[in-house]
Amino acid sequence: MAMKEHNDRRQLKTKIAFEEIGQRNERSTNVYLPKKGMKESAICSKCNLIYQNKRWYLNEAEARKFMTDSHVRMGTCPACRRMEDNLPAGIATFTGDYFSQHEMEILDIIKSEESRSKAKNPLGRIMEIAQEGNVLTVSTTEDKLAQKLGREVYKAHKGELHYQWAHDQKLVRVKWER
């Protein structure tokens, strides 16, 4: 009896492992990115990002050439569409008495981190910076950018840093407080 139970467990493990092998996860769950990519080159009519070889990138000289090329399609990049829809992928909140005393330093960190991040991923941008009292709220087009903003402020100024993911909405909330 014990031998049969042992064999049943081994068969179950093998079956589960075999079924999991070869399963593919989607590379991105971002609804603003096309699943199969676009077939041709395109340029964003709002920010001049270029789409080529399944990637969006920034190259101003090439963008000027693309503007005059009739074969290049005009479109809207995922970041600009997200901004039009006012649907952030990340919301970072900075608050506390310490924040109100060091507001300019923290804003400088946020802005420099955005430009550093933009060089790597031009779709990651700050949508809006809003301040109410001693609470600064930063909305971003990419969840990773919001996480990075919180992490960089935490590295420089310590405090408390919390992440909260809303998987059903594809949103991350980052809260830094000191």
N, C-alpha and C. Protein backbone atom coordinates (compact mmCIF):
# COMPACT_ATOMS: atom_id res chain seq x y z
N MET A 1 0.83 -1.20 0.00
CA MET A 1 0.00 0.00 0.00
C MET A 1 0.88 1.27 0.00
N ALA A 2 1.93 1.25 0.81
CA ALA A 2 2.82 2.40 0.90
C ALA A 2 3.53 2.64 -0.44
N MET A 3 3.89 1.55 -1.13
CA MET A 3 4.56 1.66 -2.42
C MET A 3 3.65 2.31 -3.47
N LYS A 4 2.37 1.97 -3.48
CA LYS A 4 1.40 2.53 -4.42
C LYS A 4 1.25 4.03 -4.18
N GLU A 5 1.16 4.42 -2.90
CA GLU A 5 1.01 5.85 -2.55
C GLU A 5 2.24 6.62 -3.01
N HIS A 6 3.43 6.04 -2.82
CA HIS A 6 4.67 6.69 -3.23
C HIS A 6 4.69 6.90 -4.75
N ASN A 7 4.29 5.86 -5.51
CA ASN A 7 4.25 5.97 -6.97
C ASN A 7 3.23 6.99 -7.44
N ASP A 8 2.07 7.06 -6.76
CA ASP A 8 1.04 8.05 -7.12
C ASP A 8 1.58 9.47 -6.94
N ARG A 9 2.30 9.71 -5.85
CA ARG A 9 2.87 11.05 -5.61
C ARG A 9 3.90 11.40 -6.68
N ARG A 10 4.75 10.43 -7.02
CA ARG A 10 5.77 10.67 -8.03
C ARG A 10 5.12 10.97 -9.39
N GLN A 11 4.08 10.24 -9.73
CA GLN A 11 3.38 10.50 -10.99
C GLN A 11 2.75 11.88 -10.97
N LEU A 12 2.18 12.29 -9.84
CA LEU A 12 1.57 13.60 -9.71
C LEU A 12 2.62 14.70 -9.90
N LYS A 13 3.78 14.54 -9.25
CA LYS A 13 4.85 15.53 -9.39
C LYS A 13 5.32 15.62 -10.83
N THR A 14 5.50 14.46 -11.46
CA THR A 14 5.95 14.44 -12.85
C THR A 14 4.93 15.12 -13.75
N LYS A 15 3.67 14.84 -13.54
CA LYS A 15 2.61 15.42 -14.36
C LYS A 15 2.59 16.95 -14.22
N ILE A 16 2.66 17.43 -13.00
CA ILE A 16 2.64 18.88 -12.78
C ILE A 16 3.85 19.53 -13.41
N ALA A 17 5.03 18.94 -13.17
CA ALA A 17 6.26 19.51 -13.73
C ALA A 17 6.21 19.51 -15.25
N PHE A 18 5.71 18.41 -15.83
CA PHE A 18 5.64 18.32 -17.29
C PHE A 18 4.69 19.35 -17.86
N GLU A 19 3.56 19.57 -17.20
CA GLU A 19 2.58 20.54 -17.69
C GLU A 19 3.12 21.96 -17.60
N GLU A 20 3.97 22.23 -16.61
CA GLU A 20 4.50 23.58 -16.43
C GLU A 20 5.61 23.89 -17.42
N ILE A 21 6.31 22.84 -17.88
CA ILE A 21 7.40 23.05 -18.82
C ILE A 21 6.82 23.53 -20.15
N GLY A 22 7.45 24.54 -20.70
CA GLY A 22 7.02 25.04 -22.00
C GLY A 22 5.91 26.07 -21.94
N GLN A 23 5.39 26.33 -20.76
CA GLN A 23 4.36 27.36 -20.64
C GLN A 23 5.03 28.72 -20.76
N ARG A 24 4.45 29.60 -21.49
CA ARG A 24 5.03 30.92 -21.67
C ARG A 24 4.18 31.96 -20.97
N ASN A 25 4.85 32.82 -20.27
CA ASN A 25 4.17 33.97 -19.68
C ASN A 25 4.27 35.11 -20.67
N GLU A 26 3.31 36.00 -20.59
CA GLU A 26 3.38 37.19 -21.43
C GLU A 26 4.57 38.01 -20.98
N ARG A 27 5.29 38.61 -21.92
CA ARG A 27 6.45 39.43 -21.55
C ARG A 27 6.00 40.66 -20.78
N SER A 28 4.90 41.22 -21.18
CA SER A 28 4.41 42.42 -20.53
C SER A 28 2.90 42.34 -20.41
N THR A 29 2.41 42.79 -19.29
CA THR A 29 0.96 42.85 -19.11
C THR A 29 0.45 44.26 -19.32
N ASN A 30 1.29 45.13 -19.83
CA ASN A 30 0.94 46.51 -20.09
C ASN A 30 -0.05 46.55 -21.26
N VAL A 31 -1.26 47.02 -21.00
CA VAL A 31 -2.28 47.07 -22.05
C VAL A 31 -1.97 48.12 -23.11
N TYR A 32 -1.05 49.01 -22.84
CA TYR A 32 -0.71 50.04 -23.81
C TYR A 32 0.36 49.57 -24.80
N LEU A 33 0.98 48.42 -24.55
CA LEU A 33 1.95 47.87 -25.49
C LEU A 33 1.27 46.82 -26.36
N PRO A 34 1.43 46.90 -27.67
CA PRO A 34 0.81 45.87 -28.52
C PRO A 34 1.49 44.52 -28.28
N LYS A 35 0.69 43.45 -28.22
CA LYS A 35 1.23 42.13 -27.89
C LYS A 35 2.21 41.62 -28.94
N LYS A 36 1.93 41.85 -30.21
CA LYS A 36 2.81 41.33 -31.26
C LYS A 36 3.70 42.40 -31.85
N GLY A 37 3.58 43.61 -31.40
CA GLY A 37 4.38 44.69 -31.98
C GLY A 37 3.76 45.19 -33.27
N MET A 38 4.21 46.35 -33.69
CA MET A 38 3.73 46.89 -34.96
C MET A 38 4.65 46.38 -36.07
N LYS A 39 4.12 46.28 -37.25
CA LYS A 39 4.87 45.71 -38.35
C LYS A 39 5.86 46.69 -38.97
N GLU A 40 5.61 47.98 -38.83
CA GLU A 40 6.45 48.96 -39.51
C GLU A 40 6.97 50.00 -38.52
N SER A 41 7.86 50.82 -39.00
CA SER A 41 8.39 51.91 -38.19
C SER A 41 7.31 52.96 -37.97
N ALA A 42 7.40 53.62 -36.84
CA ALA A 42 6.43 54.67 -36.53
C ALA A 42 7.12 55.74 -35.70
N ILE A 43 6.48 56.88 -35.65
CA ILE A 43 6.98 57.97 -34.81
C ILE A 43 5.80 58.53 -34.03
N CYS A 44 6.03 58.83 -32.76
CA CYS A 44 4.97 59.39 -31.93
C CYS A 44 4.76 60.86 -32.31
N SER A 45 3.54 61.20 -32.60
CA SER A 45 3.24 62.56 -33.04
C SER A 45 3.31 63.56 -31.89
N LYS A 46 3.35 63.09 -30.66
CA LYS A 46 3.37 64.02 -29.52
C LYS A 46 4.76 64.24 -28.94
N CYS A 47 5.57 63.15 -28.83
CA CYS A 47 6.88 63.29 -28.17
C CYS A 47 8.05 62.93 -29.07
N ASN A 48 7.79 62.53 -30.32
CA ASN A 48 8.80 62.18 -31.31
C ASN A 48 9.63 60.94 -30.97
N LEU A 49 9.11 60.04 -30.15
CA LEU A 49 9.79 58.76 -29.95
C LEU A 49 9.65 57.96 -31.23
N ILE A 50 10.65 57.14 -31.51
CA ILE A 50 10.65 56.33 -32.72
C ILE A 50 10.39 54.88 -32.33
N TYR A 51 9.51 54.23 -33.10
CA TYR A 51 9.27 52.80 -32.91
C TYR A 51 9.90 52.05 -34.07
N GLN A 52 10.82 51.16 -33.73
CA GLN A 52 11.49 50.37 -34.76
C GLN A 52 12.00 49.09 -34.10
N ASN A 53 11.88 47.97 -34.78
CA ASN A 53 12.34 46.67 -34.25
C ASN A 53 11.75 46.36 -32.88
N LYS A 54 10.46 46.61 -32.73
CA LYS A 54 9.70 46.33 -31.50
C LYS A 54 10.19 47.11 -30.29
N ARG A 55 10.79 48.27 -30.50
CA ARG A 55 11.28 49.10 -29.40
C ARG A 55 10.94 50.56 -29.66
N TRP A 56 10.66 51.28 -28.58
CA TRP A 56 10.50 52.72 -28.64
C TRP A 56 11.80 53.33 -28.15
N TYR A 57 12.34 54.30 -28.87
CA TYR A 57 13.56 54.96 -28.43
C TYR A 57 13.57 56.41 -28.89
N LEU A 58 14.45 57.19 -28.27
CA LEU A 58 14.54 58.62 -28.57
C LEU A 58 15.84 58.90 -29.31
N ASN A 59 15.70 59.48 -30.49
CA ASN A 59 16.85 59.93 -31.27
C ASN A 59 16.34 61.10 -32.10
N GLU A 60 16.66 62.30 -31.65
CA GLU A 60 16.08 63.50 -32.28
C GLU A 60 16.50 63.67 -33.73
N ALA A 61 17.75 63.36 -34.04
CA ALA A 61 18.21 63.50 -35.44
C ALA A 61 17.46 62.53 -36.34
N GLU A 62 17.32 61.32 -35.90
CA GLU A 62 16.58 60.33 -36.69
C GLU A 62 15.10 60.68 -36.77
N ALA A 63 14.56 61.25 -35.70
CA ALA A 63 13.14 61.65 -35.69
C ALA A 63 12.88 62.71 -36.76
N ARG A 64 13.80 63.66 -36.91
CA ARG A 64 13.64 64.70 -37.95
C ARG A 64 13.61 64.06 -39.35
N LYS A 65 14.47 63.06 -39.57
CA LYS A 65 14.47 62.36 -40.86
C LYS A 65 13.16 61.60 -41.07
N PHE A 66 12.68 60.95 -40.00
CA PHE A 66 11.45 60.17 -40.09
C PHE A 66 10.25 61.05 -40.38
N MET A 67 10.26 62.28 -39.91
CA MET A 67 9.14 63.20 -40.12
C MET A 67 8.91 63.46 -41.60
N THR A 68 9.99 63.47 -42.38
CA THR A 68 9.86 63.77 -43.81
C THR A 68 9.63 62.51 -44.64
N ASP A 69 9.84 61.34 -44.07
CA ASP A 69 9.67 60.07 -44.78
C ASP A 69 8.20 59.70 -44.84
N SER A 70 7.70 59.49 -46.04
CA SER A 70 6.27 59.17 -46.20
C SER A 70 5.95 57.72 -45.84
N HIS A 71 6.95 56.87 -45.74
CA HIS A 71 6.73 55.46 -45.40
C HIS A 71 6.57 55.24 -43.89
N VAL A 72 6.96 56.21 -43.13
CA VAL A 72 6.89 56.07 -41.67
C VAL A 72 5.52 56.54 -41.20
N ARG A 73 4.90 55.70 -40.43
CA ARG A 73 3.55 55.96 -39.92
C ARG A 73 3.62 56.85 -38.67
N MET A 74 2.69 57.77 -38.56
CA MET A 74 2.57 58.60 -37.34
C MET A 74 1.64 57.85 -36.39
N GLY A 75 1.95 57.92 -35.11
CA GLY A 75 1.12 57.24 -34.12
C GLY A 75 1.31 57.89 -32.77
N THR A 76 0.92 57.19 -31.74
CA THR A 76 1.08 57.68 -30.37
C THR A 76 1.73 56.57 -29.55
N CYS A 77 2.79 56.92 -28.86
CA CYS A 77 3.51 55.93 -28.06
C CYS A 77 2.68 55.55 -26.82
N PRO A 78 2.98 54.42 -26.19
CA PRO A 78 2.23 53.98 -25.01
C PRO A 78 2.24 54.99 -23.86
N ALA A 79 3.36 55.69 -23.68
CA ALA A 79 3.44 56.67 -22.59
C ALA A 79 2.50 57.85 -22.85
N CYS A 80 2.47 58.33 -24.06
CA CYS A 80 1.57 59.46 -24.39
C CYS A 80 0.10 59.03 -24.30
N ARG A 81 -0.20 57.79 -24.72
CA ARG A 81 -1.59 57.31 -24.59
C ARG A 81 -1.99 57.19 -23.13
N ARG A 82 -1.07 56.71 -22.31
CA ARG A 82 -1.36 56.60 -20.87
C ARG A 82 -1.60 57.98 -20.28
N MET A 83 -0.83 58.98 -20.72
CA MET A 83 -1.00 60.34 -20.23
C MET A 83 -2.33 60.93 -20.70
N GLU A 84 -2.71 60.65 -21.95
CA GLU A 84 -4.01 61.11 -22.47
C GLU A 84 -5.16 60.54 -21.65
N ASP A 85 -5.04 59.25 -21.30
CA ASP A 85 -6.08 58.58 -20.53
C ASP A 85 -6.03 58.92 -19.05
N ASN A 86 -4.97 59.60 -18.64
CA ASN A 86 -4.74 59.94 -17.23
C ASN A 86 -4.83 58.67 -16.36
N LEU A 87 -4.11 57.64 -16.79
CA LEU A 87 -4.11 56.36 -16.11
C LEU A 87 -2.68 55.99 -15.72
N PRO A 88 -2.20 56.44 -14.56
CA PRO A 88 -0.81 56.16 -14.18
C PRO A 88 -0.58 54.68 -13.87
N ALA A 89 0.65 54.24 -14.08
CA ALA A 89 1.05 52.88 -13.71
C ALA A 89 1.70 52.88 -12.34
N GLY A 90 2.09 54.07 -11.87
CA GLY A 90 2.70 54.19 -10.56
C GLY A 90 2.35 55.52 -9.92
N ILE A 91 2.11 55.48 -8.61
CA ILE A 91 1.85 56.71 -7.86
C ILE A 91 2.77 56.69 -6.65
N ALA A 92 3.65 57.66 -6.59
CA ALA A 92 4.58 57.77 -5.47
C ALA A 92 4.17 58.96 -4.61
N THR A 93 4.07 58.74 -3.30
CA THR A 93 3.67 59.78 -2.37
C THR A 93 4.81 60.01 -1.38
N PHE A 94 5.17 61.28 -1.20
CA PHE A 94 6.22 61.66 -0.28
C PHE A 94 5.61 62.59 0.75
N THR A 95 5.78 62.26 2.03
CA THR A 95 5.09 63.03 3.06
C THR A 95 5.90 63.05 4.37
N GLY A 96 5.49 63.93 5.26
CA GLY A 96 6.09 64.02 6.58
C GLY A 96 6.68 65.39 6.86
N ASP A 97 7.00 65.62 8.11
CA ASP A 97 7.61 66.90 8.50
C ASP A 97 8.99 67.06 7.87
N TYR A 98 9.74 65.98 7.82
CA TYR A 98 11.07 66.01 7.22
C TYR A 98 10.96 66.41 5.75
N PHE A 99 9.95 65.88 5.05
CA PHE A 99 9.75 66.21 3.64
C PHE A 99 9.57 67.70 3.46
N SER A 100 8.74 68.33 4.29
CA SER A 100 8.48 69.75 4.11
C SER A 100 9.74 70.59 4.36
N GLN A 101 10.67 70.09 5.16
CA GLN A 101 11.92 70.81 5.41
C GLN A 101 12.94 70.60 4.29
N HIS A 102 12.85 69.48 3.57
CA HIS A 102 13.82 69.13 2.53
C HIS A 102 13.17 68.95 1.16
N GLU A 103 12.12 69.69 0.94
CA GLU A 103 11.31 69.55 -0.27
C GLU A 103 12.11 69.73 -1.56
N MET A 104 12.93 70.75 -1.64
CA MET A 104 13.68 71.03 -2.87
C MET A 104 14.71 69.93 -3.17
N GLU A 105 15.38 69.44 -2.14
CA GLU A 105 16.35 68.35 -2.34
C GLU A 105 15.65 67.10 -2.87
N ILE A 106 14.51 66.78 -2.30
CA ILE A 106 13.77 65.59 -2.71
C ILE A 106 13.24 65.75 -4.14
N LEU A 107 12.76 66.94 -4.48
CA LEU A 107 12.31 67.20 -5.85
C LEU A 107 13.46 67.06 -6.85
N ASP A 108 14.65 67.52 -6.47
CA ASP A 108 15.82 67.38 -7.34
C ASP A 108 16.14 65.91 -7.58
N ILE A 109 16.06 65.09 -6.53
CA ILE A 109 16.31 63.65 -6.66
C ILE A 109 15.29 63.04 -7.62
N ILE A 110 14.04 63.41 -7.47
CA ILE A 110 12.97 62.88 -8.31
C ILE A 110 13.19 63.25 -9.78
N LYS A 111 13.51 64.49 -10.04
CA LYS A 111 13.70 64.94 -11.43
C LYS A 111 14.95 64.33 -12.05
N SER A 112 16.03 64.24 -11.29
CA SER A 112 17.25 63.64 -11.86
C SER A 112 17.06 62.15 -12.10
N GLU A 113 16.32 61.48 -11.23
CA GLU A 113 16.06 60.05 -11.43
C GLU A 113 15.17 59.83 -12.67
N GLU A 114 14.23 60.73 -12.90
CA GLU A 114 13.40 60.60 -14.10
C GLU A 114 14.27 60.73 -15.35
N SER A 115 15.17 61.71 -15.41
CA SER A 115 15.98 61.86 -16.61
C SER A 115 16.96 60.71 -16.78
N ARG A 116 17.48 60.17 -15.69
CA ARG A 116 18.36 59.00 -15.77
C ARG A 116 17.57 57.79 -16.29
N SER A 117 16.37 57.63 -15.79
CA SER A 117 15.53 56.51 -16.18
C SER A 117 15.06 56.64 -17.63
N LYS A 118 14.79 57.87 -18.06
CA LYS A 118 14.33 58.13 -19.43
C LYS A 118 15.38 57.73 -20.45
N ALA A 119 16.65 57.86 -20.09
CA ALA A 119 17.72 57.48 -21.01
C ALA A 119 17.68 55.97 -21.26
N LYS A 120 17.29 55.21 -20.25
CA LYS A 120 17.19 53.75 -20.37
C LYS A 120 15.86 53.32 -20.97
N ASN A 121 14.78 53.92 -20.51
CA ASN A 121 13.44 53.56 -20.97
C ASN A 121 12.65 54.84 -21.22
N PRO A 122 12.58 55.29 -22.46
CA PRO A 122 11.91 56.56 -22.76
C PRO A 122 10.39 56.52 -22.51
N LEU A 123 9.82 55.33 -22.28
CA LEU A 123 8.39 55.25 -21.98
C LEU A 123 8.10 55.51 -20.51
N GLY A 124 9.12 55.52 -19.67
CA GLY A 124 8.95 55.81 -18.24
C GLY A 124 9.08 57.30 -18.00
N ARG A 125 7.96 57.93 -17.68
CA ARG A 125 7.95 59.39 -17.49
C ARG A 125 7.10 59.78 -16.30
N ILE A 126 7.36 60.98 -15.82
CA ILE A 126 6.50 61.54 -14.79
C ILE A 126 5.33 62.19 -15.50
N MET A 127 4.13 61.80 -15.11
CA MET A 127 2.91 62.36 -15.71
C MET A 127 2.54 63.67 -15.03
N GLU A 128 2.64 63.66 -13.70
CA GLU A 128 2.19 64.83 -12.94
C GLU A 128 2.88 64.85 -11.58
N ILE A 129 3.20 66.04 -11.13
CA ILE A 129 3.69 66.25 -9.76
C ILE A 129 2.71 67.20 -9.11
N ALA A 130 2.05 66.73 -8.06
CA ALA A 130 1.05 67.55 -7.37
C ALA A 130 1.42 67.64 -5.90
N GLN A 131 1.23 68.82 -5.34
CA GLN A 131 1.53 69.00 -3.92
C GLN A 131 0.35 69.63 -3.21
N GLU A 132 0.03 69.01 -2.10
CA GLU A 132 -1.03 69.52 -1.23
C GLU A 132 -0.50 69.52 0.19
N GLY A 133 -0.23 70.71 0.72
CA GLY A 133 0.35 70.78 2.07
C GLY A 133 1.72 70.15 2.08
N ASN A 134 1.95 69.22 3.02
CA ASN A 134 3.26 68.56 3.07
C ASN A 134 3.21 67.17 2.43
N VAL A 135 2.35 67.00 1.43
CA VAL A 135 2.24 65.73 0.69
C VAL A 135 2.52 66.00 -0.79
N LEU A 136 3.53 65.32 -1.32
CA LEU A 136 3.88 65.42 -2.73
C LEU A 136 3.47 64.10 -3.39
N THR A 137 2.70 64.19 -4.47
CA THR A 137 2.26 63.00 -5.19
C THR A 137 2.80 63.06 -6.61
N VAL A 138 3.48 61.98 -7.00
CA VAL A 138 4.08 61.90 -8.33
C VAL A 138 3.44 60.72 -9.07
N SER A 139 2.81 60.99 -10.22
CA SER A 139 2.21 59.95 -11.05
C SER A 139 3.17 59.63 -12.19
N THR A 140 3.35 58.33 -12.47
CA THR A 140 4.30 57.92 -13.51
C THR A 140 3.63 57.00 -14.53
N THR A 141 4.24 56.93 -15.71
CA THR A 141 3.71 56.07 -16.77
C THR A 141 4.18 54.63 -16.63
N GLU A 142 5.20 54.39 -15.83
CA GLU A 142 5.73 53.04 -15.62
C GLU A 142 5.80 52.76 -14.13
N ASP A 143 5.40 51.57 -13.72
CA ASP A 143 5.45 51.20 -12.30
C ASP A 143 6.87 51.18 -11.76
N LYS A 144 7.81 50.74 -12.57
CA LYS A 144 9.22 50.67 -12.14
C LYS A 144 9.78 52.04 -11.83
N LEU A 145 9.34 53.06 -12.54
CA LEU A 145 9.82 54.41 -12.28
C LEU A 145 9.34 54.89 -10.92
N ALA A 146 8.09 54.63 -10.57
CA ALA A 146 7.57 55.03 -9.25
C ALA A 146 8.36 54.33 -8.15
N GLN A 147 8.65 53.04 -8.34
CA GLN A 147 9.42 52.29 -7.35
C GLN A 147 10.82 52.88 -7.22
N LYS A 148 11.41 53.22 -8.35
CA LYS A 148 12.76 53.77 -8.37
C LYS A 148 12.82 55.14 -7.67
N LEU A 149 11.80 55.97 -7.89
CA LEU A 149 11.76 57.29 -7.24
C LEU A 149 11.73 57.12 -5.72
N GLY A 150 10.87 56.24 -5.24
CA GLY A 150 10.80 55.99 -3.81
C GLY A 150 12.10 55.45 -3.26
N ARG A 151 12.71 54.52 -3.97
CA ARG A 151 13.96 53.90 -3.52
C ARG A 151 15.10 54.92 -3.46
N GLU A 152 15.19 55.80 -4.46
CA GLU A 152 16.27 56.80 -4.48
C GLU A 152 16.11 57.82 -3.36
N VAL A 153 14.88 58.25 -3.10
CA VAL A 153 14.65 59.18 -1.99
C VAL A 153 14.97 58.49 -0.67
N TYR A 154 14.59 57.23 -0.55
CA TYR A 154 14.89 56.45 0.67
C TYR A 154 16.40 56.32 0.88
N LYS A 155 17.14 56.04 -0.19
CA LYS A 155 18.60 55.90 -0.08
C LYS A 155 19.25 57.19 0.40
N ALA A 156 18.75 58.31 -0.10
CA ALA A 156 19.35 59.60 0.23
C ALA A 156 18.89 60.15 1.58
N HIS A 157 17.64 59.87 1.98
CA HIS A 157 17.08 60.52 3.17
C HIS A 157 16.51 59.55 4.21
N LYS A 158 16.68 58.26 4.00
CA LYS A 158 16.14 57.23 4.91
C LYS A 158 14.63 57.39 5.04
N GLY A 159 14.06 57.13 6.20
CA GLY A 159 12.62 57.21 6.40
C GLY A 159 11.97 55.84 6.28
N GLU A 160 10.68 55.83 5.98
CA GLU A 160 9.94 54.58 5.79
C GLU A 160 9.45 54.53 4.35
N LEU A 161 9.64 53.36 3.73
CA LEU A 161 9.25 53.18 2.35
C LEU A 161 8.37 51.95 2.24
N HIS A 162 7.19 52.11 1.63
CA HIS A 162 6.25 51.00 1.47
C HIS A 162 5.77 50.93 0.03
N TYR A 163 5.61 49.70 -0.47
CA TYR A 163 5.08 49.45 -1.80
C TYR A 163 3.75 48.71 -1.66
N GLN A 164 2.81 49.07 -2.52
CA GLN A 164 1.52 48.38 -2.52
C GLN A 164 1.11 48.19 -3.99
N TRP A 165 0.99 46.92 -4.39
CA TRP A 165 0.63 46.61 -5.76
C TRP A 165 -0.84 46.31 -5.87
N ALA A 166 -1.48 46.87 -6.90
CA ALA A 166 -2.86 46.54 -7.23
C ALA A 166 -2.79 45.78 -8.54
N HIS A 167 -2.68 44.45 -8.46
CA HIS A 167 -2.45 43.63 -9.65
C HIS A 167 -3.59 43.70 -10.65
N ASP A 168 -4.81 43.84 -10.16
CA ASP A 168 -5.94 43.90 -11.09
C ASP A 168 -5.95 45.19 -11.91
N GLN A 169 -5.32 46.25 -11.37
CA GLN A 169 -5.29 47.52 -12.08
C GLN A 169 -3.94 47.80 -12.72
N LYS A 170 -2.96 46.93 -12.52
CA LYS A 170 -1.60 47.13 -13.03
C LYS A 170 -1.04 48.46 -12.52
N LEU A 171 -1.07 48.62 -11.21
CA LEU A 171 -0.67 49.87 -10.58
C LEU A 171 0.15 49.58 -9.34
N VAL A 172 1.15 50.39 -9.08
CA VAL A 172 1.90 50.31 -7.83
C VAL A 172 1.79 51.65 -7.11
N ARG A 173 1.60 51.57 -5.81
CA ARG A 173 1.60 52.78 -4.97
C ARG A 173 2.84 52.71 -4.09
N VAL A 174 3.60 53.77 -4.11
CA VAL A 174 4.82 53.86 -3.32
C VAL A 174 4.61 54.97 -2.31
N LYS A 175 4.88 54.68 -1.04
CA LYS A 175 4.71 55.70 -0.01
C LYS A 175 6.01 55.83 0.77
N TRP A 176 6.57 57.03 0.74
CA TRP A 176 7.76 57.35 1.53
C TRP A 176 7.35 58.37 2.57
N GLU A 177 7.81 58.16 3.79
CA GLU A 177 7.43 59.07 4.87
C GLU A 177 8.59 59.25 5.83
N ARG A 178 8.79 60.48 6.26
CA ARG A 178 9.77 60.79 7.30
C ARG A 178 9.44 62.12 7.90
